[in-house]
Amino acid sequence: YGGTASIVIYSSEDLKISPRKVPSASFKLPEKESMGSE
């Protein structure tokens, strides 16, 4: 929220969790883009 991060951890035997599929990170680094001369 703006410049503040909120992290909440829940733990319980009764949690109904449906995991999300998160794509794997790419092993290839993005190409460097030139921003012009110094």
Full PDB file with SEQRES, HELIX, SHEET, SSBOND, CRYST1, ORIGX, SCALE, CONECT and MASTER records, all heavy atoms in Angstrom:
SEQRES   1 A   38  TYR GLY GLY THR ALA SER ILE VAL ILE TYR SER SER GLU          
SEQRES   2 A   38  ASP LEU LYS ILE SER PRO ARG LYS VAL PRO SER ALA SER          
SEQRES   3 A   38  PHE LYS LEU PRO GLU LYS GLU SER MET GLY SER GLU              
CRYST1    1.000    1.000    1.000  90.00  90.00  90.00 P 1           1          
ORIGX1      1.000000  0.000000  0.000000        0.00000                         
ORIGX2      0.000000  1.000000  0.000000        0.00000                         
ORIGX3      0.000000  0.000000  1.000000        0.00000                         
SCALE1      1.000000  0.000000  0.000000        0.00000                         
SCALE2      0.000000  1.000000  0.000000        0.00000                         
SCALE3      0.000000  0.000000  1.000000        0.00000                         
ATOM      1  N   TYR A   1       0.862  -1.170   0.000  1.00  0.00           N  
ATOM      2  CA  TYR A   1       0.000   0.000   0.000  1.00  0.00           C  
ATOM      3  C   TYR A   1       0.904   1.226   0.000  1.00  0.00           C  
ATOM      4  O   TYR A   1       1.493   1.558   1.016  1.00  0.00           O  
ATOM      5  CB  TYR A   1      -0.890   0.028   1.244  1.00  0.00           C  
ATOM      6  CG  TYR A   1      -1.737  -1.202   1.404  1.00  0.00           C  
ATOM      7  CD1 TYR A   1      -1.373  -2.209   2.284  1.00  0.00           C  
ATOM      8  CD2 TYR A   1      -2.911  -1.354   0.679  1.00  0.00           C  
ATOM      9  CE1 TYR A   1      -2.155  -3.335   2.438  1.00  0.00           C  
ATOM     10  CE2 TYR A   1      -3.696  -2.481   0.829  1.00  0.00           C  
ATOM     11  CZ  TYR A   1      -3.316  -3.460   1.720  1.00  0.00           C  
ATOM     12  OH  TYR A   1      -4.087  -4.581   1.872  1.00  0.00           O  
ATOM     13  N   GLY A   2       1.025   1.869  -1.158  1.00  0.00           N  
ATOM     14  CA  GLY A   2       1.937   3.017  -1.252  1.00  0.00           C  
ATOM     15  C   GLY A   2       3.357   2.558  -0.986  1.00  0.00           C  
ATOM     16  O   GLY A   2       3.880   1.705  -1.679  1.00  0.00           O  
ATOM     17  N   GLY A   3       3.991   3.077   0.046  1.00  0.00           N  
ATOM     18  CA  GLY A   3       5.360   2.685   0.389  1.00  0.00           C  
ATOM     19  C   GLY A   3       5.418   1.706   1.541  1.00  0.00           C  
ATOM     20  O   GLY A   3       6.478   1.475   2.114  1.00  0.00           O  
ATOM     21  N   THR A   4       4.294   1.098   1.917  1.00  0.00           N  
ATOM     22  CA  THR A   4       4.253   0.188   3.055  1.00  0.00           C  
ATOM     23  C   THR A   4       3.890  -1.218   2.611  1.00  0.00           C  
ATOM     24  O   THR A   4       2.930  -1.410   1.871  1.00  0.00           O  
ATOM     25  CB  THR A   4       3.204   0.663   4.090  1.00  0.00           C  
ATOM     26  OG1 THR A   4       3.502   2.002   4.467  1.00  0.00           O  
ATOM     27  CG2 THR A   4       3.200  -0.223   5.316  1.00  0.00           C  
ATOM     28  N   ALA A   5       4.666  -2.199   3.047  1.00  0.00           N  
ATOM     29  CA  ALA A   5       4.371  -3.601   2.746  1.00  0.00           C  
ATOM     30  C   ALA A   5       3.736  -4.240   3.975  1.00  0.00           C  
ATOM     31  O   ALA A   5       4.192  -4.049   5.090  1.00  0.00           O  
ATOM     32  CB  ALA A   5       5.632  -4.346   2.367  1.00  0.00           C  
ATOM     33  N   SER A   6       2.683  -4.984   3.764  1.00  0.00           N  
ATOM     34  CA  SER A   6       1.994  -5.694   4.845  1.00  0.00           C  
ATOM     35  C   SER A   6       2.097  -7.193   4.584  1.00  0.00           C  
ATOM     36  O   SER A   6       1.718  -7.666   3.513  1.00  0.00           O  
ATOM     37  CB  SER A   6       0.523  -5.274   4.878  1.00  0.00           C  
ATOM     38  OG  SER A   6      -0.198  -6.084   5.769  1.00  0.00           O  
ATOM     39  N   ILE A   7       2.625  -7.940   5.554  1.00  0.00           N  
ATOM     40  CA  ILE A   7       2.750  -9.389   5.423  1.00  0.00           C  
ATOM     41  C   ILE A   7       2.016 -10.033   6.597  1.00  0.00           C  
ATOM     42  O   ILE A   7       2.271  -9.707   7.745  1.00  0.00           O  
ATOM     43  CB  ILE A   7       4.228  -9.820   5.424  1.00  0.00           C  
ATOM     44  CG1 ILE A   7       4.961  -9.145   4.261  1.00  0.00           C  
ATOM     45  CG2 ILE A   7       4.343 -11.335   5.342  1.00  0.00           C  
ATOM     46  CD1 ILE A   7       6.443  -9.327   4.272  1.00  0.00           C  
ATOM     47  N   VAL A   8       1.097 -10.938   6.275  1.00  0.00           N  
ATOM     48  CA  VAL A   8       0.296 -11.608   7.299  1.00  0.00           C  
ATOM     49  C   VAL A   8       0.483 -13.105   7.140  1.00  0.00           C  
ATOM     50  O   VAL A   8       0.416 -13.643   6.036  1.00  0.00           O  
ATOM     51  CB  VAL A   8      -1.198 -11.242   7.166  1.00  0.00           C  
ATOM     52  CG1 VAL A   8      -2.010 -11.924   8.246  1.00  0.00           C  
ATOM     53  CG2 VAL A   8      -1.390  -9.739   7.208  1.00  0.00           C  
ATOM     54  N   ILE A   9       0.737 -13.801   8.242  1.00  0.00           N  
ATOM     55  CA  ILE A   9       0.910 -15.252   8.234  1.00  0.00           C  
ATOM     56  C   ILE A   9      -0.230 -15.883   9.016  1.00  0.00           C  
ATOM     57  O   ILE A   9      -0.463 -15.538  10.170  1.00  0.00           O  
ATOM     58  CB  ILE A   9       2.268 -15.654   8.848  1.00  0.00           C  
ATOM     59  CG1 ILE A   9       3.402 -14.988   8.065  1.00  0.00           C  
ATOM     60  CG2 ILE A   9       2.423 -17.167   8.872  1.00  0.00           C  
ATOM     61  CD1 ILE A   9       4.765 -15.161   8.674  1.00  0.00           C  
ATOM     62  N   TYR A  10      -0.951 -16.787   8.368  1.00  0.00           N  
ATOM     63  CA  TYR A  10      -2.050 -17.510   9.002  1.00  0.00           C  
ATOM     64  C   TYR A  10      -1.638 -18.967   9.154  1.00  0.00           C  
ATOM     65  O   TYR A  10      -1.001 -19.532   8.277  1.00  0.00           O  
ATOM     66  CB  TYR A  10      -3.308 -17.486   8.127  1.00  0.00           C  
ATOM     67  CG  TYR A  10      -3.848 -16.120   7.806  1.00  0.00           C  
ATOM     68  CD1 TYR A  10      -3.456 -15.459   6.651  1.00  0.00           C  
ATOM     69  CD2 TYR A  10      -4.764 -15.510   8.643  1.00  0.00           C  
ATOM     70  CE1 TYR A  10      -3.959 -14.213   6.335  1.00  0.00           C  
ATOM     71  CE2 TYR A  10      -5.275 -14.256   8.336  1.00  0.00           C  
ATOM     72  CZ  TYR A  10      -4.865 -13.619   7.192  1.00  0.00           C  
ATOM     73  OH  TYR A  10      -5.364 -12.380   6.873  1.00  0.00           O  
ATOM     74  N   SER A  11      -1.996 -19.585  10.267  1.00  0.00           N  
ATOM     75  CA  SER A  11      -1.773 -21.023  10.416  1.00  0.00           C  
ATOM     76  C   SER A  11      -2.947 -21.637  11.170  1.00  0.00           C  
ATOM     77  O   SER A  11      -3.410 -21.100  12.169  1.00  0.00           O  
ATOM     78  CB  SER A  11      -0.463 -21.309  11.152  1.00  0.00           C  
ATOM     79  OG  SER A  11      -0.506 -20.823  12.464  1.00  0.00           O  
ATOM     80  N   SER A  12      -3.437 -22.742  10.643  1.00  0.00           N  
ATOM     81  CA  SER A  12      -4.577 -23.415  11.247  1.00  0.00           C  
ATOM     82  C   SER A  12      -4.795 -24.747  10.552  1.00  0.00           C  
ATOM     83  O   SER A  12      -4.390 -24.947   9.418  1.00  0.00           O  
ATOM     84  CB  SER A  12      -5.832 -22.556  11.119  1.00  0.00           C  
ATOM     85  OG  SER A  12      -6.970 -23.265  11.558  1.00  0.00           O  
ATOM     86  N   GLU A  13      -5.430 -25.645  11.226  1.00  0.00           N  
ATOM     87  CA  GLU A  13      -5.803 -26.922  10.613  1.00  0.00           C  
ATOM     88  C   GLU A  13      -7.001 -26.745   9.680  1.00  0.00           C  
ATOM     89  O   GLU A  13      -7.231 -27.552   8.807  1.00  0.00           O  
ATOM     90  CB  GLU A  13      -6.154 -27.952  11.696  1.00  0.00           C  
ATOM     91  CG  GLU A  13      -4.993 -28.359  12.578  1.00  0.00           C  
ATOM     92  CD  GLU A  13      -3.903 -29.092  11.813  1.00  0.00           C  
ATOM     93  OE1 GLU A  13      -4.208 -29.744  10.802  1.00  0.00           O  
ATOM     94  OE2 GLU A  13      -2.745 -29.008  12.236  1.00  0.00           O  
ATOM     95  N   ASP A  14      -7.762 -25.665   9.869  1.00  0.00           N  
ATOM     96  CA  ASP A  14      -9.007 -25.465   9.122  1.00  0.00           C  
ATOM     97  C   ASP A  14      -8.869 -24.547   7.909  1.00  0.00           C  
ATOM     98  O   ASP A  14      -9.877 -24.205   7.295  1.00  0.00           O  
ATOM     99  CB  ASP A  14     -10.078 -24.884  10.049  1.00  0.00           C  
ATOM    100  CG  ASP A  14     -10.409 -25.839  11.183  1.00  0.00           C  
ATOM    101  OD1 ASP A  14     -10.324 -27.059  10.968  1.00  0.00           O  
ATOM    102  OD2 ASP A  14     -10.752 -25.360  12.282  1.00  0.00           O  
ATOM    103  N   LEU A  15      -7.667 -24.147   7.557  1.00  0.00           N  
ATOM    104  CA  LEU A  15      -7.501 -23.268   6.403  1.00  0.00           C  
ATOM    105  C   LEU A  15      -7.889 -23.995   5.123  1.00  0.00           C  
ATOM    106  O   LEU A  15      -7.525 -25.133   4.900  1.00  0.00           O  
ATOM    107  CB  LEU A  15      -6.047 -22.804   6.265  1.00  0.00           C  
ATOM    108  CG  LEU A  15      -5.602 -21.676   7.174  1.00  0.00           C  
ATOM    109  CD1 LEU A  15      -4.119 -21.419   6.970  1.00  0.00           C  
ATOM    110  CD2 LEU A  15      -6.381 -20.418   6.903  1.00  0.00           C  
ATOM    111  N   LYS A  16      -8.648 -23.311   4.293  1.00  0.00           N  
ATOM    112  CA  LYS A  16      -9.007 -23.837   2.979  1.00  0.00           C  
ATOM    113  C   LYS A  16      -8.107 -23.137   1.974  1.00  0.00           C  
ATOM    114  O   LYS A  16      -8.347 -21.996   1.591  1.00  0.00           O  
ATOM    115  CB  LYS A  16     -10.472 -23.547   2.669  1.00  0.00           C  
ATOM    116  CG  LYS A  16     -11.440 -24.080   3.699  1.00  0.00           C  
ATOM    117  CD  LYS A  16     -11.773 -25.521   3.422  1.00  0.00           C  
ATOM    118  CE  LYS A  16     -12.923 -26.006   4.236  1.00  0.00           C  
ATOM    119  NZ  LYS A  16     -12.592 -26.488   5.545  1.00  0.00           N  
ATOM    120  N   ILE A  17      -7.068 -23.796   1.536  1.00  0.00           N  
ATOM    121  CA  ILE A  17      -6.077 -23.184   0.662  1.00  0.00           C  
ATOM    122  C   ILE A  17      -6.123 -23.833  -0.710  1.00  0.00           C  
ATOM    123  O   ILE A  17      -6.131 -25.045  -0.835  1.00  0.00           O  
ATOM    124  CB  ILE A  17      -4.651 -23.351   1.244  1.00  0.00           C  
ATOM    125  CG1 ILE A  17      -4.568 -22.676   2.610  1.00  0.00           C  
ATOM    126  CG2 ILE A  17      -3.612 -22.764   0.309  1.00  0.00           C  
ATOM    127  CD1 ILE A  17      -3.261 -22.917   3.317  1.00  0.00           C  
ATOM    128  N   SER A  18      -6.166 -22.991  -1.732  1.00  0.00           N  
ATOM    129  CA  SER A  18      -6.024 -23.494  -3.092  1.00  0.00           C  
ATOM    130  C   SER A  18      -4.773 -22.829  -3.671  1.00  0.00           C  
ATOM    131  O   SER A  18      -4.772 -21.636  -3.959  1.00  0.00           O  
ATOM    132  CB  SER A  18      -7.248 -23.168  -3.930  1.00  0.00           C  
ATOM    133  OG  SER A  18      -7.520 -21.797  -3.899  1.00  0.00           O  
ATOM    134  N   PRO A  19      -3.685 -23.594  -3.799  1.00  0.00           N  
ATOM    135  CA  PRO A  19      -2.423 -23.020  -4.271  1.00  0.00           C  
ATOM    136  C   PRO A  19      -2.555 -22.435  -5.675  1.00  0.00           C  
ATOM    137  O   PRO A  19      -3.284 -22.949  -6.513  1.00  0.00           O  
ATOM    138  CB  PRO A  19      -1.459 -24.208  -4.288  1.00  0.00           C  
ATOM    139  CG  PRO A  19      -2.096 -25.249  -3.452  1.00  0.00           C  
ATOM    140  CD  PRO A  19      -3.574 -25.004  -3.509  1.00  0.00           C  
ATOM    141  N   ARG A  20      -1.858 -21.328  -5.894  1.00  0.00           N  
ATOM    142  CA  ARG A  20      -1.830 -20.706  -7.213  1.00  0.00           C  
ATOM    143  C   ARG A  20      -0.631 -21.241  -7.984  1.00  0.00           C  
ATOM    144  O   ARG A  20       0.398 -21.549  -7.406  1.00  0.00           O  
ATOM    145  CB  ARG A  20      -1.704 -19.196  -7.094  1.00  0.00           C  
ATOM    146  CG  ARG A  20      -2.910 -18.575  -6.459  1.00  0.00           C  
ATOM    147  CD  ARG A  20      -2.845 -17.082  -6.541  1.00  0.00           C  
ATOM    148  NE  ARG A  20      -1.689 -16.573  -5.794  1.00  0.00           N  
ATOM    149  CZ  ARG A  20      -1.324 -15.310  -5.766  1.00  0.00           C  
ATOM    150  NH1 ARG A  20      -1.993 -14.423  -6.449  1.00  0.00           N  
ATOM    151  NH2 ARG A  20      -0.279 -14.933  -5.061  1.00  0.00           N  
ATOM    152  N   LYS A  21      -0.788 -21.348  -9.287  1.00  0.00           N  
ATOM    153  CA  LYS A  21       0.333 -21.757 -10.125  1.00  0.00           C  
ATOM    154  C   LYS A  21       1.137 -20.510 -10.489  1.00  0.00           C  
ATOM    155  O   LYS A  21       0.604 -19.572 -11.066  1.00  0.00           O  
ATOM    156  CB  LYS A  21      -0.147 -22.458 -11.384  1.00  0.00           C  
ATOM    157  CG  LYS A  21      -0.778 -23.798 -11.093  1.00  0.00           C  
ATOM    158  CD  LYS A  21      -1.100 -24.536 -12.360  1.00  0.00           C  
ATOM    159  CE  LYS A  21      -1.658 -25.908 -12.002  1.00  0.00           C  
ATOM    160  NZ  LYS A  21      -1.859 -26.740 -13.158  1.00  0.00           N  
ATOM    161  N   VAL A  22       2.389 -20.510 -10.114  1.00  0.00           N  
ATOM    162  CA  VAL A  22       3.286 -19.394 -10.397  1.00  0.00           C  
ATOM    163  C   VAL A  22       4.313 -19.877 -11.408  1.00  0.00           C  
ATOM    164  O   VAL A  22       4.970 -20.894 -11.184  1.00  0.00           O  
ATOM    165  CB  VAL A  22       3.987 -18.901  -9.112  1.00  0.00           C  
ATOM    166  CG1 VAL A  22       4.940 -17.761  -9.417  1.00  0.00           C  
ATOM    167  CG2 VAL A  22       2.951 -18.494  -8.078  1.00  0.00           C  
ATOM    168  N   PRO A  23       4.477 -19.175 -12.530  1.00  0.00           N  
ATOM    169  CA  PRO A  23       5.438 -19.630 -13.526  1.00  0.00           C  
ATOM    170  C   PRO A  23       6.866 -19.560 -12.995  1.00  0.00           C  
ATOM    171  O   PRO A  23       7.182 -18.717 -12.165  1.00  0.00           O  
ATOM    172  CB  PRO A  23       5.242 -18.671 -14.696  1.00  0.00           C  
ATOM    173  CG  PRO A  23       4.552 -17.488 -14.135  1.00  0.00           C  
ATOM    174  CD  PRO A  23       3.795 -17.957 -12.931  1.00  0.00           C  
ATOM    175  N   SER A  24       7.701 -20.450 -13.472  1.00  0.00           N  
ATOM    176  CA  SER A  24       9.104 -20.458 -13.067  1.00  0.00           C  
ATOM    177  C   SER A  24       9.805 -19.229 -13.624  1.00  0.00           C  
ATOM    178  O   SER A  24       9.436 -18.698 -14.668  1.00  0.00           O  
ATOM    179  CB  SER A  24       9.796 -21.706 -13.607  1.00  0.00           C  
ATOM    180  OG  SER A  24       9.206 -22.859 -13.080  1.00  0.00           O  
ATOM    181  N   ALA A  25      10.841 -18.809 -12.914  1.00  0.00           N  
ATOM    182  CA  ALA A  25      11.641 -17.674 -13.377  1.00  0.00           C  
ATOM    183  C   ALA A  25      12.488 -18.109 -14.564  1.00  0.00           C  
ATOM    184  O   ALA A  25      12.914 -19.258 -14.665  1.00  0.00           O  
ATOM    185  CB  ALA A  25      12.531 -17.174 -12.250  1.00  0.00           C  
ATOM    186  N   SER A  26      12.744 -17.182 -15.448  1.00  0.00           N  
ATOM    187  CA  SER A  26      13.561 -17.463 -16.613  1.00  0.00           C  
ATOM    188  C   SER A  26      15.028 -17.513 -16.221  1.00  0.00           C  
ATOM    189  O   SER A  26      15.492 -16.757 -15.380  1.00  0.00           O  
ATOM    190  CB  SER A  26      13.352 -16.367 -17.661  1.00  0.00           C  
ATOM    191  OG  SER A  26      14.262 -16.529 -18.720  1.00  0.00           O  
ATOM    192  N   PHE A  27      15.775 -18.426 -16.818  1.00  0.00           N  
ATOM    193  CA  PHE A  27      17.203 -18.506 -16.566  1.00  0.00           C  
ATOM    194  C   PHE A  27      17.961 -17.493 -17.437  1.00  0.00           C  
ATOM    195  O   PHE A  27      19.116 -17.197 -17.193  1.00  0.00           O  
ATOM    196  CB  PHE A  27      17.729 -19.912 -16.846  1.00  0.00           C  
ATOM    197  CG  PHE A  27      17.280 -20.892 -15.806  1.00  0.00           C  
ATOM    198  CD1 PHE A  27      16.285 -21.812 -16.093  1.00  0.00           C  
ATOM    199  CD2 PHE A  27      17.833 -20.896 -14.544  1.00  0.00           C  
ATOM    200  CE1 PHE A  27      15.864 -22.713 -15.139  1.00  0.00           C  
ATOM    201  CE2 PHE A  27      17.415 -21.790 -13.578  1.00  0.00           C  
ATOM    202  CZ  PHE A  27      16.433 -22.707 -13.880  1.00  0.00           C  
ATOM    203  N   LYS A  28      17.285 -16.979 -18.466  1.00  0.00           N  
ATOM    204  CA  LYS A  28      17.925 -16.045 -19.376  1.00  0.00           C  
ATOM    205  C   LYS A  28      17.715 -14.618 -18.861  1.00  0.00           C  
ATOM    206  O   LYS A  28      16.595 -14.206 -18.583  1.00  0.00           O  
ATOM    207  CB  LYS A  28      17.317 -16.185 -20.771  1.00  0.00           C  
ATOM    208  CG  LYS A  28      17.920 -15.268 -21.792  1.00  0.00           C  
ATOM    209  CD  LYS A  28      17.250 -15.465 -23.147  1.00  0.00           C  
ATOM    210  CE  LYS A  28      17.803 -14.470 -24.153  1.00  0.00           C  
ATOM    211  NZ  LYS A  28      17.091 -14.544 -25.422  1.00  0.00           N  
ATOM    212  N   LEU A  29      18.810 -13.857 -18.740  1.00  0.00           N  
ATOM    213  CA  LEU A  29      18.709 -12.482 -18.297  1.00  0.00           C  
ATOM    214  C   LEU A  29      18.218 -11.607 -19.451  1.00  0.00           C  
ATOM    215  O   LEU A  29      18.513 -11.886 -20.608  1.00  0.00           O  
ATOM    216  CB  LEU A  29      20.078 -11.976 -17.833  1.00  0.00           C  
ATOM    217  CG  LEU A  29      20.636 -12.645 -16.581  1.00  0.00           C  
ATOM    218  CD1 LEU A  29      22.038 -12.127 -16.301  1.00  0.00           C  
ATOM    219  CD2 LEU A  29      19.737 -12.383 -15.396  1.00  0.00           C  
ATOM    220  N   PRO A  30      17.472 -10.554 -19.132  1.00  0.00           N  
ATOM    221  CA  PRO A  30      17.023  -9.667 -20.201  1.00  0.00           C  
ATOM    222  C   PRO A  30      18.211  -8.964 -20.845  1.00  0.00           C  
ATOM    223  O   PRO A  30      19.234  -8.743 -20.209  1.00  0.00           O  
ATOM    224  CB  PRO A  30      16.114  -8.661 -19.494  1.00  0.00           C  
ATOM    225  CG  PRO A  30      16.308  -8.861 -18.056  1.00  0.00           C  
ATOM    226  CD  PRO A  30      17.003 -10.153 -17.839  1.00  0.00           C  
ATOM    227  N   GLU A  31      18.057  -8.611 -22.121  1.00  0.00           N  
ATOM    228  CA  GLU A  31      19.128  -7.917 -22.815  1.00  0.00           C  
ATOM    229  C   GLU A  31      19.252  -6.497 -22.286  1.00  0.00           C  
ATOM    230  O   GLU A  31      18.265  -5.849 -21.948  1.00  0.00           O  
ATOM    231  CB  GLU A  31      18.844  -7.888 -24.317  1.00  0.00           C  
ATOM    232  CG  GLU A  31      18.912  -9.259 -24.955  1.00  0.00           C  
ATOM    233  CD  GLU A  31      18.710  -9.188 -26.454  1.00  0.00           C  
ATOM    234  OE1 GLU A  31      18.952  -8.111 -27.045  1.00  0.00           O  
ATOM    235  OE2 GLU A  31      18.305 -10.208 -27.027  1.00  0.00           O  
ATOM    236  N   LYS A  32      20.500  -6.016 -22.207  1.00  0.00           N  
ATOM    237  CA  LYS A  32      20.757  -4.678 -21.722  1.00  0.00           C  
ATOM    238  C   LYS A  32      20.343  -3.676 -22.789  1.00  0.00           C  
ATOM    239  O   LYS A  32      20.689  -3.826 -23.956  1.00  0.00           O  
ATOM    240  CB  LYS A  32      22.244  -4.527 -21.399  1.00  0.00           C  
ATOM    241  CG  LYS A  32      22.589  -3.211 -20.766  1.00  0.00           C  
ATOM    242  CD  LYS A  32      24.049  -3.183 -20.371  1.00  0.00           C  
ATOM    243  CE  LYS A  32      24.401  -1.864 -19.735  1.00  0.00           C  
ATOM    244  NZ  LYS A  32      25.810  -1.799 -19.339  1.00  0.00           N  
ATOM    245  N   GLU A  33      19.589  -2.651 -22.376  1.00  0.00           N  
ATOM    246  CA  GLU A  33      19.153  -1.625 -23.307  1.00  0.00           C  
ATOM    247  C   GLU A  33      20.011  -0.391 -23.144  1.00  0.00           C  
ATOM    248  O   GLU A  33      20.298   0.033 -22.036  1.00  0.00           O  
ATOM    249  CB  GLU A  33      17.686  -1.267 -23.060  1.00  0.00           C  
ATOM    250  CG  GLU A  33      16.736  -2.399 -23.373  1.00  0.00           C  
ATOM    251  CD  GLU A  33      15.293  -1.978 -23.225  1.00  0.00           C  
ATOM    252  OE1 GLU A  33      15.005  -0.766 -23.289  1.00  0.00           O  
ATOM    253  OE2 GLU A  33      14.456  -2.859 -23.033  1.00  0.00           O  
ATOM    254  N   SER A  34      20.400   0.190 -24.245  1.00  0.00           N  
ATOM    255  CA  SER A  34      21.211   1.400 -24.226  1.00  0.00           C  
ATOM    256  C   SER A  34      20.312   2.605 -23.985  1.00  0.00           C  
ATOM    257  O   SER A  34      19.275   2.764 -24.617  1.00  0.00           O  
ATOM    258  CB  SER A  34      21.946   1.547 -25.550  1.00  0.00           C  
ATOM    259  OG  SER A  34      22.633   2.775 -25.566  1.00  0.00           O  
ATOM    260  N   MET A  35      20.728   3.457 -23.058  1.00  0.00           N  
ATOM    261  CA  MET A  35      19.977   4.669 -22.752  1.00  0.00           C  
ATOM    262  C   MET A  35      20.636   5.895 -23.369  1.00  0.00           C  
ATOM    263  O   MET A  35      20.366   7.007 -23.000  1.00  0.00           O  
ATOM    264  CB  MET A  35      19.874   4.847 -21.233  1.00  0.00           C  
ATOM    265  CG  MET A  35      19.137   3.726 -20.536  1.00  0.00           C  
ATOM    266  SD  MET A  35      17.417   3.595 -21.043  1.00  0.00           S  
ATOM    267  CE  MET A  35      16.753   5.035 -20.282  1.00  0.00           C  
ATOM    268  N   GLY A  36      21.579   5.708 -24.280  1.00  0.00           N  
ATOM    269  CA  GLY A  36      22.287   6.816 -24.897  1.00  0.00           C  
ATOM    270  C   GLY A  36      23.636   7.005 -24.239  1.00  0.00           C  
ATOM    271  O   GLY A  36      23.995   6.321 -23.290  1.00  0.00           O  
ATOM    272  N   SER A  37      24.387   7.948 -24.736  1.00  0.00           N  
ATOM    273  CA  SER A  37      25.728   8.181 -24.198  1.00  0.00           C  
ATOM    274  C   SER A  37      25.653   8.896 -22.855  1.00  0.00           C  
ATOM    275  O   SER A  37      24.657   9.524 -22.512  1.00  0.00           O  
ATOM    276  CB  SER A  37      26.570   8.987 -25.181  1.00  0.00           C  
ATOM    277  OG  SER A  37      26.029  10.296 -25.280  1.00  0.00           O  
ATOM    278  N   GLU A  38      26.735   8.813 -22.106  1.00  0.00           N  
ATOM    279  CA  GLU A  38      26.808   9.467 -20.792  1.00  0.00           C  
ATOM    280  C   GLU A  38      26.635  10.975 -20.908  1.00  0.00           C  
ATOM    281  O   GLU A  38      26.089  11.610 -20.040  1.00  0.00           O  
ATOM    282  CB  GLU A  38      28.162   9.142 -20.139  1.00  0.00           C  
ATOM    283  CG  GLU A  38      28.327   7.698 -19.727  1.00  0.00           C  
ATOM    284  CD  GLU A  38      27.439   7.348 -18.523  1.00  0.00           C  
ATOM    285  OE1 GLU A  38      27.210   8.211 -17.669  1.00  0.00           O  
ATOM    286  OE2 GLU A  38      26.993   6.205 -18.479  1.00  0.00           O  
TER     287      GLU A  38                                                      
MASTER        0    0    0    0    0    0    0    6  286    1    0    3          
END                                                                             
